Amino acid sequence: MRPHGAGPNDRFVRKEDLWSLLGSDWVPSILAFCGVDLPDVFAAHCGDGISSVHVRSNTGIPYTFTAHSLGAQERDGLLAAGESVNEDCDHFARHLEAERVAMNHARVVITSNDQERSLQYGHPAYDGAIDPSDDRRFAVVPPGVDQSVFCPGSVDETASRRIRAFPERDPEASRTELPAVVSSSRLDPKKNHRVLVDAFGHNRELRSHANPLFIAGAIKDPLRDDGSASPAGRPARPPRLA
């Protein structure tokens, strides 16, 4: 992937190699793209939030920071799974420093829940960058959809017709009208697919009220093909129905 207006145009650049291009190429390009029509606030994500630090220093415009998954936990997960960390390739030191600077200068840090706030931002790697107990610096915004803004439309009707044409391997007819509990992410242990599978497998009342729906990336049949799942994510074990 390559940020708009940054890096060479004739070759692919790994995201781990984009760090040196963010301040020198991407920030000037995005400011030139915006021109005088600058927003009131920027939204920064992950370690790339260092870009918003540069934007703020040039314009004074504040930004929010949403990490999703911080680098310290990613590094710990790789080491716990027995995988090696190659600093020359993965650039974790630069990644963590960029996150520290981004969270330190953010007007507000956004998390999905209090656990993310306390555990991720309380990691020793971020000591001194931000205080996870400081309510003035954090906003917990649970995942969800504001139905007063987003409502069904013509595209949803088309999608609904396609869903109703599921092949035989999908839910039996008696379950097609049940609502779905959706898990949309790559196949990775930290995404907790197994927890959702176990919850449905061990709770008869839950199964009677909803279907689990897993959207696991570009895999035609994740029940039989684990595709690009990380080694630690294989195999998925079937639940014991209670």
C-alpha atoms as a PDB file:
ATOM      1  CA  MET A   1       0.000   0.000   0.000  1.00  0.00           C
ATOM      2  CA  ARG A   2       1.167   3.578  -0.601  1.00  0.00           C
ATOM      3  CA  PRO A   3      -0.232   6.779   0.922  1.00  0.00           C
ATOM      4  CA  HIS A   4      -1.677   9.373  -1.449  1.00  0.00           C
ATOM      5  CA  GLY A   5       1.095  11.538  -2.840  1.00  0.00           C
ATOM      6  CA  ALA A   6       3.946   9.764  -1.033  1.00  0.00           C
ATOM      7  CA  GLY A   7       6.762   7.486  -2.113  1.00  0.00           C
ATOM      8  CA  PRO A   8       7.652   6.068  -5.517  1.00  0.00           C
ATOM      9  CA  ASN A   9       4.946   5.575  -8.118  1.00  0.00           C
ATOM     10  CA  ASP A  10       6.583   2.613  -9.830  1.00  0.00           C
ATOM     11  CA  ARG A  11       6.749   0.021  -7.063  1.00  0.00           C
ATOM     12  CA  PHE A  12       4.903  -1.435  -4.096  1.00  0.00           C
ATOM     13  CA  VAL A  13       5.914  -0.194  -0.642  1.00  0.00           C
ATOM     14  CA  ARG A  14       5.330  -2.367   2.418  1.00  0.00           C
ATOM     15  CA  LYS A  15       3.360  -0.591   5.126  1.00  0.00           C
ATOM     16  CA  GLU A  16       6.245  -1.234   7.550  1.00  0.00           C
ATOM     17  CA  ASP A  17       8.476   0.830   5.232  1.00  0.00           C
ATOM     18  CA  LEU A  18       6.168   3.837   5.023  1.00  0.00           C
ATOM     19  CA  TRP A  19       7.393   5.506   8.203  1.00  0.00           C
ATOM     20  CA  SER A  20      10.076   7.607   6.528  1.00  0.00           C
ATOM     21  CA  LEU A  21       7.547   8.848   3.953  1.00  0.00           C
ATOM     22  CA  LEU A  22       4.798  10.050   6.282  1.00  0.00           C
ATOM     23  CA  GLY A  23       6.375  13.310   7.416  1.00  0.00           C
ATOM     24  CA  SER A  24       8.404  14.062   4.303  1.00  0.00           C
ATOM     25  CA  ASP A  25       5.858  13.149   1.597  1.00  0.00           C
ATOM     26  CA  TRP A  26       2.364  12.392   2.873  1.00  0.00           C
ATOM     27  CA  VAL A  27       1.817  15.325   5.239  1.00  0.00           C
ATOM     28  CA  PRO A  28       2.803  18.010   2.677  1.00  0.00           C
ATOM     29  CA  SER A  29       0.683  16.218   0.067  1.00  0.00           C
ATOM     30  CA  ILE A  30      -2.452  16.015   2.211  1.00  0.00           C
ATOM     31  CA  LEU A  31      -2.111  19.664   3.253  1.00  0.00           C
ATOM     32  CA  ALA A  32      -1.724  20.669  -0.390  1.00  0.00           C
ATOM     33  CA  PHE A  33      -4.751  18.547  -1.270  1.00  0.00           C
ATOM     34  CA  CYS A  34      -6.883  20.257   1.396  1.00  0.00           C
ATOM     35  CA  GLY A  35      -5.632  23.717   0.485  1.00  0.00           C
ATOM     36  CA  VAL A  36      -7.494  26.368   2.469  1.00  0.00           C
ATOM     37  CA  ASP A  37     -10.475  24.033   3.033  1.00  0.00           C
ATOM     38  CA  LEU A  38      -9.029  22.395   6.130  1.00  0.00           C
ATOM     39  CA  PRO A  39     -11.241  20.386   8.518  1.00  0.00           C
ATOM     40  CA  ASP A  40     -11.951  21.388  12.110  1.00  0.00           C
ATOM     41  CA  VAL A  41     -10.369  18.195  13.399  1.00  0.00           C
ATOM     42  CA  PHE A  42      -8.361  15.264  12.032  1.00  0.00           C
ATOM     43  CA  ALA A  43      -8.796  11.603  12.959  1.00  0.00           C
ATOM     44  CA  ALA A  44      -5.567   9.674  13.477  1.00  0.00           C
ATOM     45  CA  HIS A  45      -5.277   5.897  13.573  1.00  0.00           C
ATOM     46  CA  CYS A  46      -2.603   3.434  14.698  1.00  0.00           C
ATOM     47  CA  GLY A  47       1.081   4.349  14.567  1.00  0.00           C
ATOM     48  CA  ASP A  48       0.371   6.370  11.422  1.00  0.00           C
ATOM     49  CA  GLY A  49      -1.130   8.906  13.832  1.00  0.00           C
ATOM     50  CA  ILE A  50       2.320  10.474  13.846  1.00  0.00           C
ATOM     51  CA  SER A  51       1.159  12.150  10.619  1.00  0.00           C
ATOM     52  CA  SER A  52      -1.467  14.077  12.567  1.00  0.00           C
ATOM     53  CA  VAL A  53       1.216  15.286  14.959  1.00  0.00           C
ATOM     54  CA  HIS A  54       2.986  16.858  11.961  1.00  0.00           C
ATOM     55  CA  VAL A  55      -0.308  18.257  10.648  1.00  0.00           C
ATOM     56  CA  ARG A  56      -1.094  19.759  14.053  1.00  0.00           C
ATOM     57  CA  SER A  57       2.339  21.364  14.293  1.00  0.00           C
ATOM     58  CA  ASN A  58       1.817  22.954  10.853  1.00  0.00           C
ATOM     59  CA  THR A  59      -1.805  24.051  11.232  1.00  0.00           C
ATOM     60  CA  GLY A  60      -2.744  24.000  14.916  1.00  0.00           C
ATOM     61  CA  ILE A  61      -5.701  21.737  14.086  1.00  0.00           C
ATOM     62  CA  PRO A  62      -6.330  19.156  16.828  1.00  0.00           C
ATOM     63  CA  TYR A  63      -6.821  15.449  16.199  1.00  0.00           C
ATOM     64  CA  THR A  64      -8.334  12.388  17.821  1.00  0.00           C
ATOM     65  CA  PHE A  65      -6.314   9.186  18.128  1.00  0.00           C
ATOM     66  CA  THR A  66      -7.759   5.681  17.739  1.00  0.00           C
ATOM     67  CA  ALA A  67      -5.190   2.912  17.973  1.00  0.00           C
ATOM     68  CA  HIS A  68      -7.424  -0.119  17.368  1.00  0.00           C
ATOM     69  CA  SER A  69      -4.506  -2.386  18.284  1.00  0.00           C
ATOM     70  CA  LEU A  70      -1.319  -0.934  19.721  1.00  0.00           C
ATOM     71  CA  GLY A  71       2.088  -2.133  18.607  1.00  0.00           C
ATOM     72  CA  ALA A  72       3.219  -3.281  22.060  1.00  0.00           C
ATOM     73  CA  GLN A  73       0.429  -5.860  22.218  1.00  0.00           C
ATOM     74  CA  GLU A  74       1.123  -6.957  18.634  1.00  0.00           C
ATOM     75  CA  ARG A  75       4.788  -7.507  19.474  1.00  0.00           C
ATOM     76  CA  ASP A  76       3.907  -9.372  22.683  1.00  0.00           C
ATOM     77  CA  GLY A  77       1.485 -11.561  20.733  1.00  0.00           C
ATOM     78  CA  LEU A  78       4.106 -12.508  18.163  1.00  0.00           C
ATOM     79  CA  LEU A  79       6.624 -13.413  20.867  1.00  0.00           C
ATOM     80  CA  ALA A  80       4.028 -15.400  22.836  1.00  0.00           C
ATOM     81  CA  ALA A  81       3.205 -17.390  19.694  1.00  0.00           C
ATOM     82  CA  GLY A  82       6.889 -18.277  19.275  1.00  0.00           C
ATOM     83  CA  GLU A  83       7.371 -16.043  16.246  1.00  0.00           C
ATOM     84  CA  SER A  84      10.458 -13.905  15.814  1.00  0.00           C
ATOM     85  CA  VAL A  85      10.507 -10.121  15.674  1.00  0.00           C
ATOM     86  CA  ASN A  86      12.883  -8.660  13.107  1.00  0.00           C
ATOM     87  CA  GLU A  87      13.462  -4.993  13.919  1.00  0.00           C
ATOM     88  CA  ASP A  88      14.997  -4.336  10.492  1.00  0.00           C
ATOM     89  CA  CYS A  89      11.780  -5.564   8.880  1.00  0.00           C
ATOM     90  CA  ASP A  90       9.024  -4.864  11.414  1.00  0.00           C
ATOM     91  CA  HIS A  91      10.330  -1.536  12.805  1.00  0.00           C
ATOM     92  CA  PHE A  92       8.600  -2.017  16.165  1.00  0.00           C
ATOM     93  CA  ALA A  93      10.861   0.513  17.915  1.00  0.00           C
ATOM     94  CA  ARG A  94       9.833   3.229  15.457  1.00  0.00           C
ATOM     95  CA  HIS A  95       6.222   2.022  15.588  1.00  0.00           C
ATOM     96  CA  LEU A  96       6.038   2.276  19.389  1.00  0.00           C
ATOM     97  CA  GLU A  97       7.708   5.679  19.471  1.00  0.00           C
ATOM     98  CA  ALA A  98       5.260   6.991  16.848  1.00  0.00           C
ATOM     99  CA  GLU A  99       2.335   5.698  18.930  1.00  0.00           C
ATOM    100  CA  ARG A 100       3.728   7.333  22.071  1.00  0.00           C
ATOM    101  CA  VAL A 101       4.027  10.709  20.350  1.00  0.00           C
ATOM    102  CA  ALA A 102       0.604  10.385  18.691  1.00  0.00           C
ATOM    103  CA  MET A 103      -1.268   9.537  21.900  1.00  0.00           C
ATOM    104  CA  ASN A 104       0.643  12.163  23.869  1.00  0.00           C
ATOM    105  CA  HIS A 105      -0.375  15.043  21.577  1.00  0.00           C
ATOM    106  CA  ALA A 106      -3.943  13.896  20.785  1.00  0.00           C
ATOM    107  CA  ARG A 107      -6.826  16.081  21.966  1.00  0.00           C
ATOM    108  CA  VAL A 108      -8.834  12.901  22.715  1.00  0.00           C
ATOM    109  CA  VAL A 109      -7.921   9.208  22.588  1.00  0.00           C
ATOM    110  CA  ILE A 110     -10.837   6.997  21.512  1.00  0.00           C
ATOM    111  CA  THR A 111     -11.247   3.385  22.668  1.00  0.00           C
ATOM    112  CA  SER A 112     -14.016   0.824  22.186  1.00  0.00           C
ATOM    113  CA  ASN A 113     -14.273  -0.063  25.877  1.00  0.00           C
ATOM    114  CA  ASP A 114     -12.691   0.530  29.281  1.00  0.00           C
ATOM    115  CA  GLN A 115     -10.650  -2.666  29.057  1.00  0.00           C
ATOM    116  CA  GLU A 116      -8.901  -1.438  25.900  1.00  0.00           C
ATOM    117  CA  ARG A 117      -8.206   1.862  27.618  1.00  0.00           C
ATOM    118  CA  SER A 118      -6.714   0.342  30.784  1.00  0.00           C
ATOM    119  CA  LEU A 119      -4.868  -2.656  29.324  1.00  0.00           C
ATOM    120  CA  GLN A 120      -3.527  -1.324  26.029  1.00  0.00           C
ATOM    121  CA  TYR A 121      -2.632   2.182  27.144  1.00  0.00           C
ATOM    122  CA  GLY A 122      -1.450   0.869  30.507  1.00  0.00           C
ATOM    123  CA  HIS A 123       1.243  -1.246  28.847  1.00  0.00           C
ATOM    124  CA  PRO A 124       4.744  -0.419  30.194  1.00  0.00           C
ATOM    125  CA  ALA A 125       5.830   0.556  26.674  1.00  0.00           C
ATOM    126  CA  TYR A 126       3.620   3.656  26.956  1.00  0.00           C
ATOM    127  CA  ASP A 127       4.625   4.776  30.447  1.00  0.00           C
ATOM    128  CA  GLY A 128       4.891   8.562  30.511  1.00  0.00           C
ATOM    129  CA  ALA A 129       3.169   9.037  27.151  1.00  0.00           C
ATOM    130  CA  ILE A 130      -0.390   9.115  28.511  1.00  0.00           C
ATOM    131  CA  ASP A 131      -2.207   8.323  31.739  1.00  0.00           C
ATOM    132  CA  PRO A 132      -5.017   5.797  31.069  1.00  0.00           C
ATOM    133  CA  SER A 133      -6.785   6.919  34.262  1.00  0.00           C
ATOM    134  CA  ASP A 134      -7.128  10.513  33.005  1.00  0.00           C
ATOM    135  CA  ASP A 135     -10.791  10.866  31.983  1.00  0.00           C
ATOM    136  CA  ARG A 136     -10.054  14.182  30.257  1.00  0.00           C
ATOM    137  CA  ARG A 137      -7.870  12.420  27.683  1.00  0.00           C
ATOM    138  CA  PHE A 138     -10.124   9.484  26.792  1.00  0.00           C
ATOM    139  CA  ALA A 139     -13.529   8.854  25.222  1.00  0.00           C
ATOM    140  CA  VAL A 140     -14.994   5.353  25.229  1.00  0.00           C
ATOM    141  CA  VAL A 141     -17.143   4.887  22.107  1.00  0.00           C
ATOM    142  CA  PRO A 142     -18.616   1.350  21.932  1.00  0.00           C
ATOM    143  CA  PRO A 143     -19.012  -0.162  18.449  1.00  0.00           C
ATOM    144  CA  GLY A 144     -22.476   0.192  16.994  1.00  0.00           C
ATOM    145  CA  VAL A 145     -24.701   1.901  14.452  1.00  0.00           C
ATOM    146  CA  ASP A 146     -26.765   5.028  15.059  1.00  0.00           C
ATOM    147  CA  GLN A 147     -30.031   3.997  13.437  1.00  0.00           C
ATOM    148  CA  SER A 148     -31.286   7.566  13.450  1.00  0.00           C
ATOM    149  CA  VAL A 149     -28.553   8.312  10.882  1.00  0.00           C
ATOM    150  CA  PHE A 150     -28.057   4.974   9.114  1.00  0.00           C
ATOM    151  CA  CYS A 151     -31.222   3.206   7.977  1.00  0.00           C
ATOM    152  CA  PRO A 152     -32.125   0.496   5.434  1.00  0.00           C
ATOM    153  CA  GLY A 153     -32.128   1.523   1.794  1.00  0.00           C
ATOM    154  CA  SER A 154     -32.249   0.069  -1.716  1.00  0.00           C
ATOM    155  CA  VAL A 155     -28.735  -1.375  -1.423  1.00  0.00           C
ATOM    156  CA  ASP A 156     -29.769  -3.177   1.747  1.00  0.00           C
ATOM    157  CA  GLU A 157     -32.705  -4.774  -0.092  1.00  0.00           C
ATOM    158  CA  THR A 158     -30.318  -6.095  -2.758  1.00  0.00           C
ATOM    159  CA  ALA A 159     -27.995  -7.463  -0.100  1.00  0.00           C
ATOM    160  CA  SER A 160     -30.944  -9.039   1.689  1.00  0.00           C
ATOM    161  CA  ARG A 161     -32.006 -10.905  -1.470  1.00  0.00           C
ATOM    162  CA  ARG A 162     -28.463 -12.229  -1.935  1.00  0.00           C
ATOM    163  CA  ILE A 163     -28.264 -13.367   1.673  1.00  0.00           C
ATOM    164  CA  ARG A 164     -31.547 -15.255   1.326  1.00  0.00           C
ATOM    165  CA  ALA A 165     -29.987 -17.197  -1.556  1.00  0.00           C
ATOM    166  CA  PHE A 166     -27.315 -18.772   0.693  1.00  0.00           C
ATOM    167  CA  PRO A 167     -26.257 -22.281  -0.365  1.00  0.00           C
ATOM    168  CA  GLU A 168     -27.242 -25.391   1.590  1.00  0.00           C
ATOM    169  CA  ARG A 169     -24.248 -25.297   3.923  1.00  0.00           C
ATOM    170  CA  ASP A 170     -25.642 -22.163   5.603  1.00  0.00           C
ATOM    171  CA  PRO A 171     -28.404 -21.920   8.247  1.00  0.00           C
ATOM    172  CA  GLU A 172     -31.474 -24.072   7.821  1.00  0.00           C
ATOM    173  CA  ALA A 173     -34.702 -22.358   6.809  1.00  0.00           C
ATOM    174  CA  SER A 174     -35.993 -22.195  10.380  1.00  0.00           C
ATOM    175  CA  ARG A 175     -33.072 -19.939  11.366  1.00  0.00           C
ATOM    176  CA  THR A 176     -32.894 -17.526   8.448  1.00  0.00           C
ATOM    177  CA  GLU A 177     -35.146 -14.951  10.110  1.00  0.00           C
ATOM    178  CA  LEU A 178     -33.063 -14.758  13.285  1.00  0.00           C
ATOM    179  CA  PRO A 179     -30.841 -11.684  13.794  1.00  0.00           C
ATOM    180  CA  ALA A 180     -27.088 -12.112  13.479  1.00  0.00           C
ATOM    181  CA  VAL A 181     -24.251 -11.459  15.886  1.00  0.00           C
ATOM    182  CA  VAL A 182     -21.567 -10.265  13.459  1.00  0.00           C
ATOM    183  CA  SER A 183     -17.827 -10.808  13.828  1.00  0.00           C
ATOM    184  CA  SER A 184     -15.939  -9.091  11.009  1.00  0.00           C
ATOM    185  CA  SER A 185     -12.148  -9.444  11.069  1.00  0.00           C
ATOM    186  CA  ARG A 186      -9.248 -11.502   9.808  1.00  0.00           C
ATOM    187  CA  LEU A 187      -8.759 -14.979  11.277  1.00  0.00           C
ATOM    188  CA  ASP A 188      -6.475 -14.266  14.203  1.00  0.00           C
ATOM    189  CA  PRO A 189      -6.536 -15.575  17.801  1.00  0.00           C
ATOM    190  CA  LYS A 190      -6.656 -12.097  19.339  1.00  0.00           C
ATOM    191  CA  LYS A 191      -9.893 -11.383  17.472  1.00  0.00           C
ATOM    192  CA  ASN A 192     -11.595 -13.930  19.773  1.00  0.00           C
ATOM    193  CA  HIS A 193     -13.562 -15.898  17.179  1.00  0.00           C
ATOM    194  CA  ARG A 194     -13.362 -18.939  19.443  1.00  0.00           C
ATOM    195  CA  VAL A 195     -14.984 -17.070  22.304  1.00  0.00           C
ATOM    196  CA  LEU A 196     -18.017 -16.289  20.141  1.00  0.00           C
ATOM    197  CA  VAL A 197     -18.157 -19.875  18.869  1.00  0.00           C
ATOM    198  CA  ASP A 198     -17.973 -21.213  22.422  1.00  0.00           C
ATOM    199  CA  ALA A 199     -20.657 -18.781  23.591  1.00  0.00           C
ATOM    200  CA  PHE A 200     -23.098 -20.114  20.996  1.00  0.00           C
ATOM    201  CA  GLY A 201     -21.995 -23.689  21.528  1.00  0.00           C
ATOM    202  CA  HIS A 202     -22.602 -23.597  25.271  1.00  0.00           C
ATOM    203  CA  ASN A 203     -25.712 -21.435  25.463  1.00  0.00           C
ATOM    204  CA  ARG A 204     -28.918 -22.928  24.094  1.00  0.00           C
ATOM    205  CA  GLU A 205     -30.904 -19.741  24.752  1.00  0.00           C
ATOM    206  CA  LEU A 206     -28.415 -17.658  22.766  1.00  0.00           C
ATOM    207  CA  ARG A 207     -28.689 -20.072  19.824  1.00  0.00           C
ATOM    208  CA  SER A 208     -32.464 -19.793  19.936  1.00  0.00           C
ATOM    209  CA  HIS A 209     -32.325 -16.011  19.530  1.00  0.00           C
ATOM    210  CA  ALA A 210     -29.546 -15.355  16.995  1.00  0.00           C
ATOM    211  CA  ASN A 211     -27.065 -16.764  14.477  1.00  0.00           C
ATOM    212  CA  PRO A 212     -23.313 -16.111  14.642  1.00  0.00           C
ATOM    213  CA  LEU A 213     -22.057 -14.553  11.407  1.00  0.00           C
ATOM    214  CA  PHE A 214     -18.310 -14.556  10.714  1.00  0.00           C
ATOM    215  CA  ILE A 215     -16.904 -12.334   7.970  1.00  0.00           C
ATOM    216  CA  ALA A 216     -13.329 -13.571   7.749  1.00  0.00           C
ATOM    217  CA  GLY A 217     -11.789 -11.854   4.750  1.00  0.00           C
ATOM    218  CA  ALA A 218     -11.258 -13.193   1.243  1.00  0.00           C
ATOM    219  CA  ILE A 219     -11.887 -16.848   2.070  1.00  0.00           C
ATOM    220  CA  LYS A 220     -14.627 -18.610   0.103  1.00  0.00           C
ATOM    221  CA  ASP A 221     -15.324 -21.229   2.769  1.00  0.00           C
ATOM    222  CA  PRO A 222     -13.537 -20.655   6.100  1.00  0.00           C
ATOM    223  CA  LEU A 223     -15.145 -23.802   7.482  1.00  0.00           C
ATOM    224  CA  ARG A 224     -12.903 -25.858   5.186  1.00  0.00           C
ATOM    225  CA  ASP A 225     -10.162 -23.446   4.088  1.00  0.00           C
ATOM    226  CA  ASP A 226      -8.203 -21.324   6.572  1.00  0.00           C
ATOM    227  CA  GLY A 227      -6.703 -19.346   3.696  1.00  0.00           C
ATOM    228  CA  SER A 228      -4.346 -16.667   4.957  1.00  0.00           C
ATOM    229  CA  ALA A 229      -5.041 -17.195   8.662  1.00  0.00           C
ATOM    230  CA  SER A 230      -1.990 -16.737  10.839  1.00  0.00           C
ATOM    231  CA  PRO A 231      -0.340 -20.012  11.990  1.00  0.00           C
ATOM    232  CA  ALA A 232      -1.503 -19.364  15.527  1.00  0.00           C
ATOM    233  CA  GLY A 233      -5.073 -19.131  14.246  1.00  0.00           C
ATOM    234  CA  ARG A 234      -5.205 -22.705  12.933  1.00  0.00           C
ATOM    235  CA  PRO A 235      -7.120 -24.915  13.375  1.00  0.00           C
ATOM    236  CA  ALA A 236     -10.551 -23.730  14.476  1.00  0.00           C
ATOM    237  CA  ARG A 237     -12.108 -26.303  16.772  1.00  0.00           C
ATOM    238  CA  PRO A 238     -15.841 -27.064  16.553  1.00  0.00           C
ATOM    239  CA  PRO A 239     -17.930 -26.188  19.629  1.00  0.00           C
ATOM    240  CA  ARG A 240     -19.628 -28.715  21.881  1.00  0.00           C
ATOM    241  CA  LEU A 241     -23.340 -27.946  21.776  1.00  0.00           C
ATOM    242  CA  ALA A 242     -24.943 -27.685  25.199  1.00  0.00           C
END
